[in-house]
C-alpha atoms as a PDB file:
ATOM      1  CA  MET A   1     194.012 217.160 170.532  1.00  0.00           C
ATOM      2  CA  SER A   2     195.819 214.158 171.981  1.00  0.00           C
ATOM      3  CA  ARG A   3     194.343 210.973 170.462  1.00  0.00           C
ATOM      4  CA  ILE A   4     191.677 210.531 167.837  1.00  0.00           C
ATOM      5  CA  ALA A   5     190.761 207.652 165.510  1.00  0.00           C
ATOM      6  CA  VAL A   6     189.610 208.236 161.933  1.00  0.00           C
ATOM      7  CA  LEU A   7     187.326 205.466 160.655  1.00  0.00           C
ATOM      8  CA  ASP A   8     186.087 204.335 157.247  1.00  0.00           C
ATOM      9  CA  PHE A   9     183.917 201.406 156.173  1.00  0.00           C
ATOM     10  CA  GLU A  10     183.242 199.823 152.814  1.00  0.00           C
ATOM     11  CA  THR A  11     179.861 198.108 152.797  1.00  0.00           C
ATOM     12  CA  THR A  12     177.346 196.213 150.677  1.00  0.00           C
ATOM     13  CA  GLY A  13     174.925 199.150 150.737  1.00  0.00           C
ATOM     14  CA  LEU A  14     173.738 202.211 152.588  1.00  0.00           C
ATOM     15  CA  SER A  15     171.887 200.915 155.626  1.00  0.00           C
ATOM     16  CA  PRO A  16     172.478 198.141 158.159  1.00  0.00           C
ATOM     17  CA  ASP A  17     168.773 198.455 158.987  1.00  0.00           C
ATOM     18  CA  GLN A  18     168.099 197.106 155.491  1.00  0.00           C
ATOM     19  CA  GLY A  19     170.474 194.176 155.965  1.00  0.00           C
ATOM     20  CA  ASP A  20     173.594 195.777 154.510  1.00  0.00           C
ATOM     21  CA  ARG A  21     176.882 194.698 156.039  1.00  0.00           C
ATOM     22  CA  ALA A  22     180.465 195.926 156.221  1.00  0.00           C
ATOM     23  CA  THR A  23     183.024 194.429 153.845  1.00  0.00           C
ATOM     24  CA  GLU A  24     186.123 196.367 154.938  1.00  0.00           C
ATOM     25  CA  VAL A  25     187.100 198.588 157.858  1.00  0.00           C
ATOM     26  CA  ALA A  26     190.092 200.862 158.358  1.00  0.00           C
ATOM     27  CA  ILE A  27     191.140 203.065 161.259  1.00  0.00           C
ATOM     28  CA  VAL A  28     193.927 205.645 161.358  1.00  0.00           C
ATOM     29  CA  LEU A  29     195.061 206.506 164.869  1.00  0.00           C
ATOM     30  CA  LEU A  30     196.309 210.072 165.333  1.00  0.00           C
ATOM     31  CA  GLU A  31     198.177 211.380 168.351  1.00  0.00           C
ATOM     32  CA  ASN A  32     198.744 215.130 168.527  1.00  0.00           C
ATOM     33  CA  GLY A  33     198.003 215.278 164.811  1.00  0.00           C
ATOM     34  CA  VAL A  34     200.579 212.616 163.857  1.00  0.00           C
ATOM     35  CA  VAL A  35     199.641 209.188 162.465  1.00  0.00           C
ATOM     36  CA  ARG A  36     200.746 206.653 165.074  1.00  0.00           C
ATOM     37  CA  ASP A  37     199.130 203.451 163.844  1.00  0.00           C
ATOM     38  CA  ARG A  38     196.704 201.973 161.320  1.00  0.00           C
ATOM     39  CA  TYR A  39     194.276 199.069 161.309  1.00  0.00           C
ATOM     40  CA  GLN A  40     192.704 197.617 158.165  1.00  0.00           C
ATOM     41  CA  SER A  41     190.910 194.390 157.351  1.00  0.00           C
ATOM     42  CA  LEU A  42     188.385 192.927 154.984  1.00  0.00           C
ATOM     43  CA  LEU A  43     185.675 191.061 156.853  1.00  0.00           C
ATOM     44  CA  ASN A  44     183.443 188.132 156.015  1.00  0.00           C
ATOM     45  CA  ALA A  45     179.879 188.870 157.033  1.00  0.00           C
ATOM     46  CA  GLY A  46     178.502 185.909 155.089  1.00  0.00           C
ATOM     47  CA  VAL A  47     176.643 188.037 152.554  1.00  0.00           C
ATOM     48  CA  ARG A  48     176.894 188.465 148.804  1.00  0.00           C
ATOM     49  CA  ILE A  49     178.425 191.687 147.479  1.00  0.00           C
ATOM     50  CA  PRO A  50     176.269 193.389 144.823  1.00  0.00           C
ATOM     51  CA  ALA A  51     177.921 193.770 141.434  1.00  0.00           C
ATOM     52  CA  PHE A  52     177.769 197.577 141.540  1.00  0.00           C
ATOM     53  CA  ILE A  53     179.623 197.568 144.883  1.00  0.00           C
ATOM     54  CA  THR A  54     182.348 195.366 143.422  1.00  0.00           C
ATOM     55  CA  GLU A  55     182.599 197.750 140.470  1.00  0.00           C
ATOM     56  CA  LEU A  56     182.856 200.738 142.844  1.00  0.00           C
ATOM     57  CA  THR A  57     185.286 199.285 145.394  1.00  0.00           C
ATOM     58  CA  GLY A  58     187.031 196.386 143.679  1.00  0.00           C
ATOM     59  CA  ILE A  59     186.071 194.151 146.627  1.00  0.00           C
ATOM     60  CA  THR A  60     184.800 190.774 145.426  1.00  0.00           C
ATOM     61  CA  ASP A  61     182.922 187.877 146.983  1.00  0.00           C
ATOM     62  CA  ALA A  62     186.108 185.803 146.780  1.00  0.00           C
ATOM     63  CA  MET A  63     188.052 188.442 148.720  1.00  0.00           C
ATOM     64  CA  VAL A  64     185.600 188.542 151.610  1.00  0.00           C
ATOM     65  CA  ARG A  65     185.193 184.756 151.671  1.00  0.00           C
ATOM     66  CA  ALA A  66     188.933 184.581 152.406  1.00  0.00           C
ATOM     67  CA  ALA A  67     188.711 187.290 155.106  1.00  0.00           C
ATOM     68  CA  PRO A  68     188.288 186.723 158.859  1.00  0.00           C
ATOM     69  CA  PRO A  69     184.732 186.554 160.236  1.00  0.00           C
ATOM     70  CA  ALA A  70     183.105 189.917 160.865  1.00  0.00           C
ATOM     71  CA  LYS A  71     182.882 189.397 164.639  1.00  0.00           C
ATOM     72  CA  VAL A  72     186.630 188.682 164.840  1.00  0.00           C
ATOM     73  CA  VAL A  73     187.521 191.783 162.816  1.00  0.00           C
ATOM     74  CA  MET A  74     185.184 194.006 164.798  1.00  0.00           C
ATOM     75  CA  ALA A  75     186.601 192.756 168.091  1.00  0.00           C
ATOM     76  CA  GLN A  76     190.078 193.638 166.816  1.00  0.00           C
ATOM     77  CA  ALA A  77     188.887 197.038 165.578  1.00  0.00           C
ATOM     78  CA  ALA A  78     187.218 197.818 168.910  1.00  0.00           C
ATOM     79  CA  ALA A  79     190.362 196.822 170.812  1.00  0.00           C
ATOM     80  CA  PHE A  80     192.453 198.989 168.476  1.00  0.00           C
ATOM     81  CA  VAL A  81     190.229 202.019 169.085  1.00  0.00           C
ATOM     82  CA  GLY A  82     189.742 201.448 172.811  1.00  0.00           C
ATOM     83  CA  SER A  83     188.102 204.525 174.288  1.00  0.00           C
ATOM     84  CA  THR A  84     189.507 206.901 171.648  1.00  0.00           C
ATOM     85  CA  PRO A  85     186.844 209.203 170.131  1.00  0.00           C
ATOM     86  CA  LEU A  86     186.098 208.675 166.462  1.00  0.00           C
ATOM     87  CA  VAL A  87     185.958 210.877 163.373  1.00  0.00           C
ATOM     88  CA  ALA A  88     184.639 209.959 159.939  1.00  0.00           C
ATOM     89  CA  HIS A  89     183.669 211.736 156.745  1.00  0.00           C
ATOM     90  CA  ASN A  90     179.874 211.556 156.576  1.00  0.00           C
ATOM     91  CA  ALA A  91     180.036 210.099 160.065  1.00  0.00           C
ATOM     92  CA  SER A  92     176.346 209.201 160.305  1.00  0.00           C
ATOM     93  CA  PHE A  93     176.983 206.475 157.713  1.00  0.00           C
ATOM     94  CA  ASP A  94     180.055 205.008 159.390  1.00  0.00           C
ATOM     95  CA  GLN A  95     178.582 205.309 162.873  1.00  0.00           C
ATOM     96  CA  ARG A  96     175.547 203.233 161.846  1.00  0.00           C
ATOM     97  CA  PHE A  97     177.766 200.425 160.589  1.00  0.00           C
ATOM     98  CA  TRP A  98     180.173 200.690 163.545  1.00  0.00           C
ATOM     99  CA  THR A  99     177.289 200.366 165.977  1.00  0.00           C
ATOM    100  CA  SER A 100     175.547 197.605 164.012  1.00  0.00           C
ATOM    101  CA  GLU A 101     178.634 195.453 163.448  1.00  0.00           C
ATOM    102  CA  LEU A 102     179.779 195.794 167.059  1.00  0.00           C
ATOM    103  CA  ARG A 103     176.295 194.898 168.276  1.00  0.00           C
ATOM    104  CA  ARG A 104     176.350 191.779 166.084  1.00  0.00           C
ATOM    105  CA  ALA A 105     179.704 190.907 167.680  1.00  0.00           C
ATOM    106  CA  GLY A 106     178.233 191.361 171.149  1.00  0.00           C
ATOM    107  CA  LEU A 107     180.298 194.466 171.850  1.00  0.00           C
ATOM    108  CA  PRO A 108     179.341 197.969 173.048  1.00  0.00           C
ATOM    109  CA  ALA A 109     179.745 201.035 170.826  1.00  0.00           C
ATOM    110  CA  PRO A 110     179.902 204.037 173.170  1.00  0.00           C
ATOM    111  CA  HIS A 111     182.250 206.093 170.986  1.00  0.00           C
ATOM    112  CA  PRO A 112     181.287 209.688 170.126  1.00  0.00           C
ATOM    113  CA  PHE A 113     181.640 210.551 166.429  1.00  0.00           C
ATOM    114  CA  ALA A 114     182.660 213.868 164.899  1.00  0.00           C
ATOM    115  CA  CYS A 115     182.120 214.460 161.188  1.00  0.00           C
ATOM    116  CA  THR A 116     184.588 216.089 158.789  1.00  0.00           C
ATOM    117  CA  LEU A 117     181.806 216.553 156.228  1.00  0.00           C
ATOM    118  CA  LEU A 118     179.675 218.627 158.613  1.00  0.00           C
ATOM    119  CA  THR A 119     182.621 220.662 159.896  1.00  0.00           C
ATOM    120  CA  SER A 120     183.841 221.261 156.327  1.00  0.00           C
ATOM    121  CA  ARG A 121     180.428 222.595 155.325  1.00  0.00           C
ATOM    122  CA  ARG A 122     180.787 225.184 158.062  1.00  0.00           C
ATOM    123  CA  LEU A 123     184.445 226.096 157.521  1.00  0.00           C
ATOM    124  CA  TYR A 124     184.705 225.844 153.706  1.00  0.00           C
ATOM    125  CA  PRO A 125     181.501 227.191 152.096  1.00  0.00           C
ATOM    126  CA  ALA A 126     183.505 228.065 148.965  1.00  0.00           C
ATOM    127  CA  ALA A 127     184.253 224.401 148.193  1.00  0.00           C
ATOM    128  CA  PRO A 128     182.365 223.152 145.091  1.00  0.00           C
ATOM    129  CA  ASN A 129     180.827 220.422 147.254  1.00  0.00           C
ATOM    130  CA  HIS A 130     181.852 218.602 150.404  1.00  0.00           C
ATOM    131  CA  ARG A 131     182.592 215.113 149.139  1.00  0.00           C
ATOM    132  CA  LEU A 132     185.895 213.789 150.428  1.00  0.00           C
ATOM    133  CA  ASP A 133     187.673 213.775 147.057  1.00  0.00           C
ATOM    134  CA  THR A 134     186.404 217.272 146.228  1.00  0.00           C
ATOM    135  CA  LEU A 135     187.692 218.624 149.529  1.00  0.00           C
ATOM    136  CA  ALA A 136     191.016 216.876 148.960  1.00  0.00           C
ATOM    137  CA  SER A 137     191.374 218.678 145.612  1.00  0.00           C
ATOM    138  CA  PHE A 138     190.187 221.955 147.154  1.00  0.00           C
ATOM    139  CA  HIS A 139     192.914 221.759 149.810  1.00  0.00           C
ATOM    140  CA  GLY A 140     195.615 220.071 147.699  1.00  0.00           C
ATOM    141  CA  LEU A 141     195.629 216.932 149.839  1.00  0.00           C
ATOM    142  CA  ARG A 142     197.345 213.849 148.433  1.00  0.00           C
ATOM    143  CA  ARG A 143     195.486 210.566 148.200  1.00  0.00           C
ATOM    144  CA  THR A 144     197.585 207.568 149.283  1.00  0.00           C
ATOM    145  CA  GLY A 145     195.584 204.830 147.578  1.00  0.00           C
ATOM    146  CA  THR A 146     192.504 203.924 145.577  1.00  0.00           C
ATOM    147  CA  ALA A 147     189.221 205.698 146.297  1.00  0.00           C
ATOM    148  CA  HIS A 148     186.494 203.582 147.882  1.00  0.00           C
ATOM    149  CA  ARG A 149     188.961 201.387 149.715  1.00  0.00           C
ATOM    150  CA  ALA A 150     188.752 201.831 153.458  1.00  0.00           C
ATOM    151  CA  LEU A 151     192.371 202.575 154.348  1.00  0.00           C
ATOM    152  CA  ALA A 152     192.921 205.064 151.527  1.00  0.00           C
ATOM    153  CA  ASP A 153     189.699 206.874 152.415  1.00  0.00           C
ATOM    154  CA  ALA A 154     190.497 206.854 156.168  1.00  0.00           C
ATOM    155  CA  GLU A 155     193.952 208.296 155.478  1.00  0.00           C
ATOM    156  CA  LEU A 156     192.474 211.004 153.260  1.00  0.00           C
ATOM    157  CA  ALA A 157     189.884 211.854 155.936  1.00  0.00           C
ATOM    158  CA  ALA A 158     192.724 212.021 158.476  1.00  0.00           C
ATOM    159  CA  ALA A 159     194.575 214.472 156.217  1.00  0.00           C
ATOM    160  CA  LEU A 160     191.402 216.563 155.926  1.00  0.00           C
ATOM    161  CA  LEU A 161     190.995 216.503 159.702  1.00  0.00           C
ATOM    162  CA  HIS A 162     194.586 217.722 160.076  1.00  0.00           C
ATOM    163  CA  ARG A 163     193.801 220.631 157.726  1.00  0.00           C
ATOM    164  CA  ILE A 164     190.620 221.482 159.650  1.00  0.00           C
ATOM    165  CA  LEU A 165     192.504 221.567 162.940  1.00  0.00           C
ATOM    166  CA  ASP A 166     195.286 223.686 161.436  1.00  0.00           C
ATOM    167  CA  ASP A 167     192.744 226.175 160.106  1.00  0.00           C
ATOM    168  CA  LEU A 168     190.963 226.359 163.454  1.00  0.00           C
ATOM    169  CA  ARG A 169     194.293 227.275 165.049  1.00  0.00           C
ATOM    170  CA  SER A 170     195.616 229.658 162.402  1.00  0.00           C
ATOM    171  CA  GLN A 171     192.450 231.379 161.164  1.00  0.00           C
ATOM    172  CA  TYR A 172     190.214 231.286 164.219  1.00  0.00           C
ATOM    173  CA  ARG A 173     192.839 231.376 166.987  1.00  0.00           C
ATOM    174  CA  VAL A 174     191.475 228.291 168.712  1.00  0.00           C
ATOM    175  CA  SER A 175     194.748 227.083 170.177  1.00  0.00           C
ATOM    176  CA  ALA A 176     193.694 223.579 171.223  1.00  0.00           C
ATOM    177  CA  PRO A 177     190.817 222.321 169.061  1.00  0.00           C
ATOM    178  CA  ASP A 178     189.640 218.924 170.252  1.00  0.00           C
ATOM    179  CA  HIS A 179     187.032 216.291 169.456  1.00  0.00           C
ATOM    180  CA  GLY A 180     184.464 217.987 171.669  1.00  0.00           C
ATOM    181  CA  LEU A 181     184.882 221.263 169.788  1.00  0.00           C
ATOM    182  CA  LEU A 182     184.331 219.486 166.458  1.00  0.00           C
ATOM    183  CA  MET A 183     181.138 217.905 167.765  1.00  0.00           C
ATOM    184  CA  ARG A 184     179.829 221.210 169.052  1.00  0.00           C
ATOM    185  CA  MET A 185     180.745 223.076 165.880  1.00  0.00           C
ATOM    186  CA  GLN A 186     179.062 220.592 163.542  1.00  0.00           C
ATOM    187  CA  SER A 187     175.685 221.420 165.083  1.00  0.00           C
ATOM    188  CA  VAL A 188     176.130 225.208 164.787  1.00  0.00           C
ATOM    189  CA  PRO A 189     174.396 226.892 161.810  1.00  0.00           C
ATOM    190  CA  ARG A 190     176.956 227.987 159.221  1.00  0.00           C
ATOM    191  CA  ALA A 191     176.290 231.689 159.770  1.00  0.00           C
ATOM    192  CA  GLY A 192     176.957 231.304 163.486  1.00  0.00           C
ATOM    193  CA  VAL A 193     180.332 229.560 163.183  1.00  0.00           C
ATOM    194  CA  PRO A 194     182.591 232.680 163.331  1.00  0.00           C
ATOM    195  CA  ARG A 195     180.875 233.855 166.517  1.00  0.00           C
ATOM    196  CA  PHE A 196     180.980 230.337 167.983  1.00  0.00           C
ATOM    197  CA  LEU A 197     184.713 229.987 167.284  1.00  0.00           C
ATOM    198  CA  ALA A 198     185.464 233.482 168.597  1.00  0.00           C
ATOM    199  CA  ARG A 199     183.759 232.494 171.840  1.00  0.00           C
ATOM    200  CA  GLU A 200     185.764 229.262 171.992  1.00  0.00           C
ATOM    201  CA  ALA A 201     189.012 231.195 171.440  1.00  0.00           C
ATOM    202  CA  ARG A 202     188.142 233.631 174.218  1.00  0.00           C
ATOM    203  CA  ALA A 203     187.347 230.767 176.563  1.00  0.00           C
ATOM    204  CA  GLU A 204     190.841 229.340 175.994  1.00  0.00           C
ATOM    205  CA  ALA A 205     192.575 232.663 176.642  1.00  0.00           C
END
């Protein structure tokens, strides 16, 4: 895998369709599995942050009032990502906000998303659950910052992605796992994953 961008949002709620907005975005850019760059910013979407979100994330109304406007941040984030494919943990959540915030900024969102939650469900059925922090403990991954802040969560998801790719190489003999493989695998039923990966390994040989 050459380049991939791992994304995380903090938000005011669960759904942009219900008026929820992003409060923070972070992106970790990986090249051949190595972190090459990071982008992080709070963003001011002009909305109030619910008290329970402030309690969860530590992000306050005062913090976002002092942040750049959402459209400025999203333009910077889109330029940072470029055409690089994206990965997120529970990607359906982050993809909805990525698409919604870019649309509000008048920008396209063509990026394909792979999901470390879906791939982990298929590769690690023995994990107690497939939340990001649980998987980090399961694999002995080190958190670099506070949970529910975008950069710390993006870096932890990037570490999980690195472990997934290592396991695909070492356990399943897929020598060059890429973003396309992750997207294909996440739609395969769990019982069919060994056969799917064996076929992928043979195709590389």
